[in-house]
């Protein structure tokens, strides 16, 4: 999703990478100016053709702040998950002590304050981007002050708070760690892998998925009622299988334990886009290739802007010498 956000932002950059210079208030000029030359010196890819659109369209605002809002909306969802994962009751994400604030009255409490700051900063960034977009609603297609002044202040503020989110999130991600044992316990307690138990019964017991689903559901209900993890539910499974199928299962305790284990659940899902090791490695290679392409495009844009800046300085220098 983040890669798609970057692609949307780069598409927005490409759409606004057109120079309005020379459009004047609406109708260009009677003097023989070279708008293409001005676009080159200012670092744009080309001039924006329609002079009326240069001053009236304002999609340079809406087209930029829309994908910007989406980026921080999506990051905010991930940040919220980090808050949940780091909660004491879940405990799957460990935030190091250097980034934790102790409660003033509960010394055992670990407050992951970077996550809290990230959450509200991401929301503020979305709100500021929204302020820019919504101000353009129902505005006339003309040269107007609605797209200037306070609106641009809100836009600059969105960039400032958004930059803080990216810097803080990068610092946090680099130091947090996953508690694998706690993850495994939560998976087992929540019966997340019971779907694979049903699938295993279809493959090994020749049951329909409806029958297998009923047995898996009965097993999950029983272990949850007894306060046991799914991995310890063989007796409940055997009872449910016998009652719902009219015979004993061929799965012994070891086979049952494997069927409901998280490792087995992942290992058998080697489908395109799945979590299996080979499928995941292929996906990561694709994601890295996409990120490399996007990074190279960004570097090329920055290099073009730097080259244009040097050319602009040289052009002014030549004028001063005349």
Protein backbone atom coordinates (compact mmCIF):
# COMPACT_ATOMS: atom_id res chain seq x y z
CA UNK A 1 0.00 0.00 0.00
CA UNK A 2 2.85 2.38 0.81
CA UNK A 3 4.40 1.71 -2.58
CA UNK A 4 1.08 2.60 -4.23
CA UNK A 5 0.99 5.78 -2.13
CA UNK A 6 4.45 6.69 -3.40
CA UNK A 7 3.31 6.02 -6.96
CA UNK A 8 0.28 8.28 -6.43
CA UNK A 9 2.53 11.03 -5.08
CA UNK A 10 4.94 10.69 -7.99
CA UNK A 11 2.01 10.81 -10.41
CA UNK A 12 0.85 14.00 -8.68
CA UNK A 13 4.34 15.43 -9.01
CA UNK A 14 4.37 14.58 -12.73
CA UNK A 15 0.99 16.28 -13.19
CA UNK A 16 2.13 19.52 -11.55
CA UNK A 17 5.55 19.45 -13.19
CA UNK A 18 4.35 21.97 -15.79
CA UNK A 19 5.38 25.61 -15.67
CA UNK A 20 2.66 28.31 -15.55
CA UNK A 21 5.24 31.10 -16.03
CA UNK A 22 4.34 33.33 -18.93
CA UNK A 23 0.57 32.81 -18.70
CA UNK A 24 0.29 36.26 -17.11
CA UNK A 25 -3.15 36.90 -15.61
CA UNK A 26 -4.81 34.72 -18.22
CA UNK A 27 -3.76 35.33 -21.83
CA UNK A 28 0.06 35.03 -22.08
CA UNK A 29 1.80 38.05 -23.63
CA UNK A 30 2.19 40.01 -26.83
CA UNK A 31 5.96 39.96 -26.32
CA UNK A 32 7.98 37.10 -27.90
CA UNK A 33 8.73 35.26 -24.65
CA UNK A 34 9.96 31.66 -24.74
CA UNK A 35 7.80 29.76 -22.23
CA UNK A 36 9.67 26.54 -22.93
CA UNK A 37 12.99 28.18 -22.01
CA UNK A 38 11.50 29.52 -18.78
CA UNK A 39 10.17 26.08 -17.91
CA UNK A 40 13.64 24.56 -18.42
CA UNK A 41 15.39 27.19 -16.28
CA UNK A 42 12.86 26.77 -13.47
CA UNK A 43 13.24 22.98 -13.42
CA UNK A 44 9.88 22.02 -14.93
CA UNK A 45 9.48 19.27 -17.50
CA UNK A 46 7.54 21.59 -19.83
CA UNK A 47 5.20 24.61 -19.78
CA UNK A 48 1.53 24.16 -18.96
CA UNK A 49 -0.10 24.74 -22.32
CA UNK A 50 -3.43 26.40 -21.58
CA UNK A 51 -2.88 29.85 -20.08
CA UNK A 52 -6.37 29.99 -18.59
CA UNK A 53 -5.76 26.65 -16.88
CA UNK A 54 -2.51 28.02 -15.46
CA UNK A 55 -4.35 30.45 -13.23
CA UNK A 56 -7.81 28.88 -12.84
CA UNK A 57 -7.58 25.09 -12.63
CA UNK A 58 -5.94 24.85 -9.13
CA UNK A 59 -5.59 21.09 -9.59
CA UNK A 60 -1.96 21.68 -8.70
CA UNK A 61 -3.43 21.90 -5.18
CA UNK A 62 -6.18 19.29 -5.24
CA UNK A 63 -4.08 16.86 -7.27
CA UNK A 64 -1.23 17.08 -4.77
CA UNK A 65 -3.00 17.13 -1.41
CA UNK A 66 -5.40 14.31 -2.30
CA UNK A 67 -2.67 11.61 -2.56
CA UNK A 68 -0.85 13.29 0.31
CA UNK A 69 -3.91 12.88 2.52
CA UNK A 70 -4.24 9.22 1.48
CA UNK A 71 -0.60 8.55 2.34
CA UNK A 72 -0.98 9.71 5.93
CA UNK A 73 -4.42 8.18 6.28
CA UNK A 74 -2.91 4.83 5.37
CA UNK A 75 0.12 5.33 7.63
CA UNK A 76 -2.26 6.27 10.43
CA UNK A 77 -3.98 2.89 10.15
CA UNK A 78 -0.63 1.10 10.48
CA UNK A 79 0.30 3.34 13.41
CA UNK A 80 -2.97 2.43 15.12
CA UNK A 81 -2.10 -1.25 14.72
CA UNK A 82 1.30 -0.56 16.30
CA UNK A 83 -0.53 0.99 19.27
CA UNK A 84 -2.63 -2.17 19.61
CA UNK A 85 0.30 -4.55 19.18
CA UNK A 86 2.33 -2.73 21.84
CA UNK A 87 -0.49 -2.71 24.44
CA UNK A 88 0.21 -4.73 27.60
CA UNK A 89 -2.73 -7.03 26.89
CA UNK A 90 -1.34 -7.93 23.46
CA UNK A 91 2.41 -7.44 23.90
CA UNK A 92 3.48 -8.44 20.42
CA UNK A 93 5.46 -5.29 19.63
CA UNK A 94 8.24 -4.21 21.99
CA UNK A 95 9.18 -0.52 22.09
CA UNK A 96 12.62 -0.02 23.71
CA UNK A 97 12.96 1.91 26.96
CA UNK A 98 14.55 4.90 25.26
CA UNK A 99 11.24 5.59 23.51
CA UNK A 100 8.92 4.83 26.42
CA UNK A 101 7.45 7.26 28.95
CA UNK A 102 6.69 6.06 32.49
CA UNK A 103 3.40 7.01 34.10
CA UNK A 104 3.55 9.64 36.83
CA UNK A 105 1.62 7.38 39.24
CA UNK A 106 2.12 3.86 37.84
CA UNK A 107 5.86 3.12 37.63
CA UNK A 108 5.28 -0.22 35.90
CA UNK A 109 3.44 1.39 32.99
CA UNK A 110 5.25 1.79 29.66
CA UNK A 111 3.67 4.48 27.50
CA UNK A 112 4.84 4.22 23.85
CA UNK A 113 4.60 7.96 23.34
CA UNK A 114 6.16 8.00 19.83
CA UNK A 115 3.19 6.00 18.61
CA UNK A 116 0.79 8.45 20.23
CA UNK A 117 2.58 11.40 18.63
CA UNK A 118 2.61 9.61 15.28
CA UNK A 119 -1.10 8.94 15.44
CA UNK A 120 -2.13 12.52 16.10
CA UNK A 121 0.44 13.99 13.70
CA UNK A 122 -0.78 11.73 10.91
CA UNK A 123 -4.36 12.81 11.65
CA UNK A 124 -3.35 16.48 11.69
CA UNK A 125 -1.65 16.04 8.31
CA UNK A 126 -4.79 14.47 6.85
CA UNK A 127 -6.86 17.33 8.26
CA UNK A 128 -4.61 20.02 6.85
CA UNK A 129 -4.58 18.36 3.43
CA UNK A 130 -8.36 18.17 3.65
CA UNK A 131 -8.54 21.86 4.47
CA UNK A 132 -6.78 22.67 1.21
CA UNK A 133 -8.96 20.32 -0.86
CA UNK A 134 -12.27 21.32 0.72
CA UNK A 135 -11.60 25.04 0.29
CA UNK A 136 -11.52 24.44 -3.46
CA UNK A 137 -15.03 23.02 -3.37
CA UNK A 138 -17.58 25.17 -5.21
CA UNK A 139 -15.02 27.80 -6.16
CA UNK A 140 -15.32 29.52 -9.56
CA UNK A 141 -13.04 28.56 -12.42
CA UNK A 142 -11.10 31.78 -12.43
CA UNK A 143 -8.11 33.58 -10.95
CA UNK A 144 -9.04 33.87 -7.26
CA UNK A 145 -7.67 34.35 -3.76
CA UNK A 146 -9.35 31.16 -2.50
CA UNK A 147 -6.32 29.13 -3.60
CA UNK A 148 -3.82 31.45 -1.98
CA UNK A 149 -3.05 32.91 1.45
CA UNK A 150 -4.54 30.82 4.26
CA UNK A 151 -4.97 27.78 2.04
CA UNK A 152 -1.26 27.72 1.23
CA UNK A 153 -0.45 28.12 4.93
CA UNK A 154 -2.50 24.99 5.62
CA UNK A 155 -0.62 23.24 2.84
CA UNK A 156 2.78 24.18 4.23
CA UNK A 157 1.64 22.97 7.66
CA UNK A 158 0.64 19.63 6.12
CA UNK A 159 4.16 19.23 4.75
CA UNK A 160 5.66 20.11 8.13
CA UNK A 161 3.56 17.68 10.19
CA UNK A 162 3.87 15.01 7.48
CA UNK A 163 7.66 15.28 7.54
CA UNK A 164 7.59 14.83 11.32
CA UNK A 165 5.54 11.65 10.88
CA UNK A 166 8.01 10.19 8.39
CA UNK A 167 11.08 11.06 10.48
CA UNK A 168 9.60 9.72 13.73
CA UNK A 169 8.18 6.59 12.12
CA UNK A 170 11.53 5.79 10.51
CA UNK A 171 13.27 6.18 13.89
CA UNK A 172 10.68 3.98 15.63
CA UNK A 173 10.56 1.21 13.04
CA UNK A 174 14.33 0.81 13.18
CA UNK A 175 14.35 -0.07 16.91
CA UNK A 176 11.10 -1.91 17.71
CA UNK A 177 11.08 -5.71 17.85
CA UNK A 178 8.54 -8.52 17.66
CA UNK A 179 7.98 -10.87 20.59
CA UNK A 180 7.63 -14.13 18.68
CA UNK A 181 6.57 -16.17 21.71
CA UNK A 182 3.78 -13.72 22.53
CA UNK A 183 2.63 -13.75 18.91
CA UNK A 184 2.47 -17.55 18.97
CA UNK A 185 0.47 -17.55 22.22
CA UNK A 186 -2.00 -14.99 20.88
CA UNK A 187 -2.43 -16.98 17.67
CA UNK A 188 -3.10 -20.18 19.62
CA UNK A 189 -5.45 -18.53 22.11
CA UNK A 190 -7.50 -16.83 19.36
CA UNK A 191 -7.78 -20.03 17.25
CA UNK A 192 -6.57 -18.10 14.22
CA UNK A 193 -5.28 -21.25 12.51
CA UNK A 194 -8.50 -23.28 12.89
CA UNK A 195 -9.20 -22.71 9.17
CA UNK A 196 -6.26 -24.94 8.34
CA UNK A 197 -7.73 -27.63 10.60
CA UNK A 198 -10.84 -27.58 8.42
CA UNK A 199 -8.72 -27.65 5.25
CA UNK A 200 -6.71 -30.59 6.61
CA UNK A 201 -9.91 -32.53 7.27
CA UNK A 202 -10.98 -31.95 3.67
CA UNK A 203 -7.65 -33.22 2.36
CA UNK A 204 -7.05 -36.12 4.75
CA UNK A 205 -10.52 -37.21 5.84
CA UNK A 206 -12.36 -36.67 2.54
CA UNK A 207 -14.98 -34.50 4.21
CA UNK A 208 -16.86 -31.69 2.55
CA UNK A 209 -15.73 -28.26 3.66
CA UNK A 210 -19.13 -27.69 5.29
CA UNK A 211 -18.61 -30.78 7.48
CA UNK A 212 -15.00 -29.84 8.21
CA UNK A 213 -16.02 -26.28 9.06
CA UNK A 214 -18.60 -27.52 11.59
CA UNK A 215 -16.01 -29.74 13.28
CA UNK A 216 -13.44 -26.95 13.37
CA UNK A 217 -16.03 -24.53 14.77
CA UNK A 218 -17.05 -26.96 17.49
CA UNK A 219 -13.39 -27.48 18.41
CA UNK A 220 -12.77 -23.73 18.63
CA UNK A 221 -15.87 -23.16 20.77
CA UNK A 222 -14.83 -25.90 23.16
CA UNK A 223 -11.24 -24.74 23.74
CA UNK A 224 -12.30 -21.10 24.12
CA UNK A 225 -14.95 -22.12 26.68
CA UNK A 226 -12.32 -24.13 28.60
CA UNK A 227 -9.78 -21.30 28.41
CA UNK A 228 -7.31 -23.49 26.55
CA UNK A 229 -5.19 -22.72 23.47
CA UNK A 230 -6.15 -24.43 20.23
CA UNK A 231 -3.00 -26.51 20.29
CA UNK A 232 -4.28 -28.29 23.40
CA UNK A 233 -7.68 -29.07 21.92
CA UNK A 234 -7.15 -32.58 20.57
CA UNK A 235 -9.71 -34.14 22.92
CA UNK A 236 -12.30 -31.52 21.99
CA UNK A 237 -11.50 -32.10 18.32
CA UNK A 238 -11.83 -35.87 18.60
CA UNK A 239 -15.20 -35.54 20.31
CA UNK A 240 -16.51 -33.06 17.74
CA UNK A 241 -15.24 -35.17 14.83
CA UNK A 242 -16.94 -38.32 16.16
CA UNK A 243 -20.24 -36.57 16.90
CA UNK A 244 -20.48 -34.76 13.57
CA UNK A 245 -19.06 -37.39 11.22
CA UNK A 246 -20.11 -40.62 12.97
CA UNK A 247 -16.57 -42.03 13.05
CA UNK A 248 -13.15 -41.47 14.60
CA UNK A 249 -10.60 -39.22 12.94
CA UNK A 250 -7.36 -40.61 11.50
CA UNK A 251 -5.51 -37.61 12.96
CA UNK A 252 -3.46 -38.46 16.03
CA UNK A 253 -2.36 -35.80 18.57
CA UNK A 254 0.83 -35.05 16.60
CA UNK A 255 -1.03 -34.63 13.31
CA UNK A 256 -3.63 -32.43 14.98
CA UNK A 257 -0.94 -30.29 16.58
CA UNK A 258 0.75 -29.79 13.21
CA UNK A 259 -2.53 -28.94 11.49
CA UNK A 260 -3.28 -26.08 13.91
CA UNK A 261 0.29 -24.75 14.21
CA UNK A 262 1.08 -21.32 12.85
CA UNK A 263 4.19 -22.54 11.06
CA UNK A 264 2.22 -25.18 9.18
CA UNK A 265 -0.54 -22.68 8.39
CA UNK A 266 2.02 -20.41 6.70
CA UNK A 267 4.05 -23.19 5.06
CA UNK A 268 1.16 -24.69 3.08
CA UNK A 269 0.06 -21.32 1.68
CA UNK A 270 2.60 -21.01 -1.12
CA UNK A 271 0.14 -19.35 -3.45
CA UNK A 272 0.75 -16.12 -5.34
CA UNK A 273 0.46 -13.34 -2.75
CA UNK A 274 0.36 -15.79 0.15
CA UNK A 275 2.49 -15.91 3.31
CA UNK A 276 4.49 -19.02 2.41
CA UNK A 277 8.28 -18.54 2.41
CA UNK A 278 8.74 -18.84 -1.35
CA UNK A 279 5.71 -16.72 -2.14
CA UNK A 280 6.83 -14.09 0.37
CA UNK A 281 10.39 -14.00 -0.98
CA UNK A 282 9.07 -13.53 -4.52
CA UNK A 283 6.78 -10.73 -3.31
CA UNK A 284 9.59 -8.98 -1.43
CA UNK A 285 11.83 -9.10 -4.51
CA UNK A 286 9.04 -7.50 -6.53
CA UNK A 287 8.45 -4.83 -3.89
CA UNK A 288 12.16 -4.03 -3.71
CA UNK A 289 12.32 -3.71 -7.50
CA UNK A 290 9.36 -1.33 -7.42
CA UNK A 291 10.94 0.72 -4.65
CA UNK A 292 14.21 0.90 -6.61
CA UNK A 293 12.35 2.15 -9.68
CA UNK A 294 10.51 4.79 -7.65
CA UNK A 295 13.72 5.87 -5.93
CA UNK A 296 15.52 6.18 -9.24
CA UNK A 297 12.67 8.32 -10.59
CA UNK A 298 12.85 10.58 -7.55
CA UNK A 299 16.62 10.90 -7.91
CA UNK A 300 16.22 11.81 -11.59
CA UNK A 301 13.65 14.50 -10.73
CA UNK A 302 15.93 15.99 -8.08
CA UNK A 303 18.93 15.90 -10.44
CA UNK A 304 16.92 17.68 -13.13
CA UNK A 305 15.90 20.38 -10.65
CA UNK A 306 19.53 20.81 -9.54
CA UNK A 307 20.71 21.02 -13.14
CA UNK A 308 18.03 23.63 -13.89
CA UNK A 309 19.13 25.67 -10.87
CA UNK A 310 22.69 25.73 -12.16
CA UNK A 311 21.50 26.72 -15.64
CA UNK A 312 19.37 29.52 -14.15
CA UNK A 313 22.33 30.87 -12.20
CA UNK A 314 24.47 30.77 -15.34
CA UNK A 315 21.78 32.58 -17.37
CA UNK A 316 21.53 35.36 -14.76
CA UNK A 317 25.31 35.58 -14.66
CA UNK A 318 25.42 36.04 -18.43
CA UNK A 319 22.83 38.82 -18.18
CA UNK A 320 24.83 40.66 -15.53
CA UNK A 321 27.92 40.59 -17.74
CA UNK A 322 26.14 42.18 -20.68
